[in-house]
């Protein structure tokens, strides 16, 4: 009987287009189907988590609040 290496069953190569194949067991566990959207969330430098995106909340994820504008001209006047 051949020994199975621990943890290597979910290691996948990146194809020339930058894609990877998500194993069937993980797709089933995440209830992923063709056309579903996923988000890659940075966990730590060089480490990401994949999460299924709820289609009803997709618009929220794609909307970015405007950033506050810093006016450098006012900061120099305050320090005088």
N, C-alpha and C. Protein backbone atom coordinates (compact mmCIF):
# COMPACT_ATOMS: atom_id res chain seq x y z
N UNK A 1 0.84 -1.17 0.00
CA UNK A 1 0.00 0.00 0.00
C UNK A 1 0.90 1.24 0.00
N UNK A 2 0.63 2.17 -0.92
CA UNK A 2 1.43 3.39 -1.03
C UNK A 2 1.05 4.36 0.09
N UNK A 3 2.05 5.04 0.61
CA UNK A 3 1.81 6.04 1.63
C UNK A 3 1.38 7.35 0.97
N UNK A 4 0.44 8.02 1.58
CA UNK A 4 -0.04 9.30 1.08
C UNK A 4 0.65 10.41 1.87
N UNK A 5 1.23 11.37 1.16
CA UNK A 5 1.87 12.50 1.83
C UNK A 5 0.79 13.42 2.39
N UNK A 6 1.00 13.87 3.60
CA UNK A 6 0.03 14.76 4.24
C UNK A 6 0.06 16.14 3.62
N UNK A 7 -1.09 16.66 3.32
CA UNK A 7 -1.21 18.03 2.86
C UNK A 7 -0.95 18.28 1.39
N UNK A 8 -0.50 17.28 0.62
CA UNK A 8 -0.18 17.54 -0.77
C UNK A 8 -1.39 17.39 -1.69
N UNK A 9 -2.50 16.86 -1.21
CA UNK A 9 -3.66 16.66 -2.08
C UNK A 9 -4.32 17.98 -2.48
N UNK A 10 -4.07 19.06 -1.76
CA UNK A 10 -4.66 20.35 -2.09
C UNK A 10 -3.63 21.35 -2.61
N UNK A 11 -2.47 20.89 -3.01
CA UNK A 11 -1.47 21.74 -3.63
C UNK A 11 -1.70 21.70 -5.13
N UNK A 12 -1.83 22.85 -5.75
CA UNK A 12 -2.14 22.93 -7.18
C UNK A 12 -1.15 23.84 -7.89
N UNK A 13 -0.78 23.48 -9.14
CA UNK A 13 0.11 24.36 -9.91
C UNK A 13 -0.69 25.53 -10.51
N UNK A 14 0.00 26.63 -10.72
CA UNK A 14 -0.60 27.78 -11.39
C UNK A 14 -0.38 27.59 -12.88
N UNK A 15 -1.45 27.72 -13.69
CA UNK A 15 -1.31 27.53 -15.13
C UNK A 15 -0.73 28.79 -15.78
N UNK A 16 -0.37 28.74 -17.05
CA UNK A 16 0.24 29.90 -17.71
C UNK A 16 -0.62 31.17 -17.68
N UNK A 17 -1.93 31.03 -17.54
CA UNK A 17 -2.81 32.20 -17.46
C UNK A 17 -3.00 32.71 -16.03
N UNK A 18 -2.32 32.09 -15.07
CA UNK A 18 -2.42 32.51 -13.67
C UNK A 18 -3.56 31.84 -12.92
N UNK A 19 -4.21 30.87 -13.53
CA UNK A 19 -5.34 30.20 -12.89
C UNK A 19 -4.93 28.95 -12.14
N UNK A 20 -5.79 28.53 -11.25
CA UNK A 20 -5.62 27.28 -10.53
C UNK A 20 -6.94 26.51 -10.57
N UNK A 21 -6.87 25.21 -10.41
CA UNK A 21 -8.08 24.39 -10.33
C UNK A 21 -8.36 24.13 -8.85
N UNK A 22 -9.56 24.50 -8.43
CA UNK A 22 -9.97 24.22 -7.05
C UNK A 22 -10.46 22.78 -7.02
N UNK A 23 -9.87 21.96 -6.16
CA UNK A 23 -10.27 20.55 -6.11
C UNK A 23 -11.77 20.38 -5.87
N UNK A 24 -12.32 19.32 -6.44
CA UNK A 24 -13.76 19.05 -6.34
C UNK A 24 -14.22 19.00 -4.89
N UNK A 25 -13.44 18.38 -4.03
CA UNK A 25 -13.85 18.25 -2.62
C UNK A 25 -14.00 19.63 -1.97
N UNK A 26 -13.14 20.57 -2.34
CA UNK A 26 -13.22 21.92 -1.78
C UNK A 26 -14.39 22.68 -2.40
N UNK A 27 -14.58 22.53 -3.74
CA UNK A 27 -15.73 23.17 -4.40
C UNK A 27 -17.04 22.71 -3.79
N UNK A 28 -17.13 21.41 -3.51
CA UNK A 28 -18.35 20.88 -2.89
C UNK A 28 -18.52 21.43 -1.47
N UNK A 29 -17.44 21.49 -0.70
CA UNK A 29 -17.51 21.99 0.66
C UNK A 29 -17.91 23.46 0.69
N UNK A 30 -17.43 24.23 -0.30
CA UNK A 30 -17.76 25.66 -0.38
C UNK A 30 -19.05 25.92 -1.15
N UNK A 31 -19.66 24.86 -1.67
CA UNK A 31 -20.86 24.96 -2.49
C UNK A 31 -20.62 25.88 -3.70
N UNK A 32 -19.45 25.72 -4.34
CA UNK A 32 -19.09 26.52 -5.51
C UNK A 32 -19.58 25.83 -6.77
N UNK A 33 -20.16 26.63 -7.65
CA UNK A 33 -20.59 26.14 -8.95
C UNK A 33 -20.01 27.04 -10.03
N UNK A 34 -19.99 26.57 -11.25
CA UNK A 34 -19.50 27.35 -12.37
C UNK A 34 -20.18 28.72 -12.40
N UNK A 35 -19.39 29.77 -12.50
CA UNK A 35 -19.94 31.13 -12.56
C UNK A 35 -20.00 31.83 -11.22
N UNK A 36 -19.87 31.08 -10.11
CA UNK A 36 -19.87 31.72 -8.79
C UNK A 36 -18.65 32.64 -8.67
N UNK A 37 -18.81 33.67 -7.87
CA UNK A 37 -17.72 34.62 -7.63
C UNK A 37 -17.02 34.26 -6.33
N UNK A 38 -15.69 34.40 -6.33
CA UNK A 38 -14.90 34.21 -5.11
C UNK A 38 -14.05 35.44 -4.90
N UNK A 39 -13.66 35.64 -3.67
CA UNK A 39 -12.80 36.76 -3.31
C UNK A 39 -11.56 36.20 -2.64
N UNK A 40 -10.41 36.74 -3.01
CA UNK A 40 -9.16 36.37 -2.35
C UNK A 40 -8.88 37.44 -1.30
N UNK A 41 -8.80 37.01 -0.06
CA UNK A 41 -8.62 37.92 1.06
C UNK A 41 -7.22 37.72 1.62
N UNK A 42 -6.46 38.82 1.74
CA UNK A 42 -5.10 38.72 2.26
C UNK A 42 -5.14 38.37 3.74
N UNK A 43 -4.49 37.30 4.09
CA UNK A 43 -4.42 36.82 5.47
C UNK A 43 -3.14 37.33 6.12
N UNK A 44 -2.04 37.21 5.41
CA UNK A 44 -0.73 37.68 5.84
C UNK A 44 0.10 37.84 4.58
N UNK A 45 1.27 38.43 4.69
CA UNK A 45 2.11 38.63 3.52
C UNK A 45 2.35 37.29 2.82
N UNK A 46 1.92 37.21 1.57
CA UNK A 46 2.09 35.99 0.80
C UNK A 46 1.07 34.90 1.07
N UNK A 47 0.08 35.16 1.91
CA UNK A 47 -0.94 34.16 2.24
C UNK A 47 -2.33 34.76 2.06
N UNK A 48 -3.16 34.04 1.33
CA UNK A 48 -4.52 34.50 1.05
C UNK A 48 -5.53 33.41 1.38
N UNK A 49 -6.75 33.82 1.65
CA UNK A 49 -7.86 32.92 1.91
C UNK A 49 -8.86 33.14 0.78
N UNK A 50 -9.46 32.08 0.28
CA UNK A 50 -10.47 32.19 -0.76
C UNK A 50 -11.84 32.09 -0.09
N UNK A 51 -12.75 32.99 -0.48
CA UNK A 51 -14.09 32.99 0.11
C UNK A 51 -15.12 33.15 -0.99
N UNK A 52 -16.21 32.42 -0.86
CA UNK A 52 -17.31 32.54 -1.82
C UNK A 52 -18.02 33.87 -1.56
N UNK A 53 -18.36 34.56 -2.65
CA UNK A 53 -19.05 35.84 -2.54
C UNK A 53 -20.54 35.61 -2.68
N UNK A 54 -21.29 36.14 -1.72
CA UNK A 54 -22.75 36.08 -1.79
C UNK A 54 -23.19 37.05 -2.89
N UNK A 55 -23.89 36.57 -3.94
CA UNK A 55 -24.28 37.45 -5.04
C UNK A 55 -25.10 38.65 -4.60
N UNK A 56 -25.87 38.52 -3.52
CA UNK A 56 -26.67 39.65 -3.02
C UNK A 56 -25.80 40.73 -2.40
N UNK A 57 -24.56 40.40 -2.02
CA UNK A 57 -23.67 41.37 -1.39
C UNK A 57 -22.53 41.79 -2.32
N UNK A 58 -22.55 41.32 -3.57
CA UNK A 58 -21.48 41.62 -4.51
C UNK A 58 -21.33 43.12 -4.72
N UNK A 59 -22.43 43.84 -4.84
CA UNK A 59 -22.35 45.28 -5.06
C UNK A 59 -21.65 45.99 -3.90
N UNK A 60 -21.88 45.52 -2.67
CA UNK A 60 -21.21 46.11 -1.50
C UNK A 60 -19.70 45.93 -1.59
N UNK A 61 -19.26 44.75 -2.06
CA UNK A 61 -17.83 44.48 -2.16
C UNK A 61 -17.17 45.32 -3.24
N UNK A 62 -17.92 45.66 -4.28
CA UNK A 62 -17.35 46.41 -5.39
C UNK A 62 -17.43 47.91 -5.20
N UNK A 63 -18.14 48.37 -4.17
CA UNK A 63 -18.28 49.80 -3.90
C UNK A 63 -17.24 50.21 -2.87
N UNK A 64 -16.48 51.21 -3.22
CA UNK A 64 -15.45 51.71 -2.31
C UNK A 64 -15.83 53.13 -1.88
N UNK A 65 -15.89 53.35 -0.58
CA UNK A 65 -16.15 54.70 -0.09
C UNK A 65 -14.98 55.59 -0.47
N UNK A 66 -15.29 56.84 -0.76
CA UNK A 66 -14.21 57.75 -1.10
C UNK A 66 -13.33 57.99 0.12
N UNK A 67 -12.05 58.13 -0.12
CA UNK A 67 -11.10 58.36 0.96
C UNK A 67 -11.12 59.83 1.37
N UNK A 68 -10.88 60.12 2.64
CA UNK A 68 -10.83 61.52 3.05
C UNK A 68 -9.66 62.22 2.35
N UNK A 69 -9.86 63.45 2.00
CA UNK A 69 -8.83 64.22 1.30
C UNK A 69 -8.06 65.03 2.33
N UNK A 70 -6.75 64.91 2.27
CA UNK A 70 -5.88 65.67 3.17
C UNK A 70 -5.42 66.91 2.45
N UNK A 71 -5.68 68.07 3.01
CA UNK A 71 -5.30 69.33 2.40
C UNK A 71 -4.00 69.80 3.04
N UNK A 72 -2.90 69.61 2.35
CA UNK A 72 -1.59 69.97 2.87
C UNK A 72 -1.43 71.48 3.02
N UNK A 73 -2.15 72.26 2.25
CA UNK A 73 -2.00 73.73 2.35
C UNK A 73 -2.50 74.25 3.69
N UNK A 74 -3.49 73.61 4.30
CA UNK A 74 -3.99 74.05 5.59
C UNK A 74 -3.07 73.64 6.74
N UNK A 75 -2.35 72.56 6.62
CA UNK A 75 -1.53 72.08 7.72
C UNK A 75 -0.35 73.01 7.98
N UNK A 76 0.21 73.61 6.96
CA UNK A 76 1.34 74.52 7.18
C UNK A 76 0.90 75.80 7.83
N UNK A 77 -0.31 76.27 7.57
CA UNK A 77 -0.83 77.49 8.18
C UNK A 77 -1.12 77.29 9.66
N UNK A 78 -1.55 76.07 10.02
CA UNK A 78 -1.85 75.79 11.42
C UNK A 78 -0.60 75.78 12.27
N UNK A 79 0.56 75.44 11.69
CA UNK A 79 1.80 75.35 12.46
C UNK A 79 2.51 76.68 12.57
N UNK A 80 2.00 77.75 11.97
CA UNK A 80 2.68 79.06 12.02
C UNK A 80 2.36 79.79 13.29
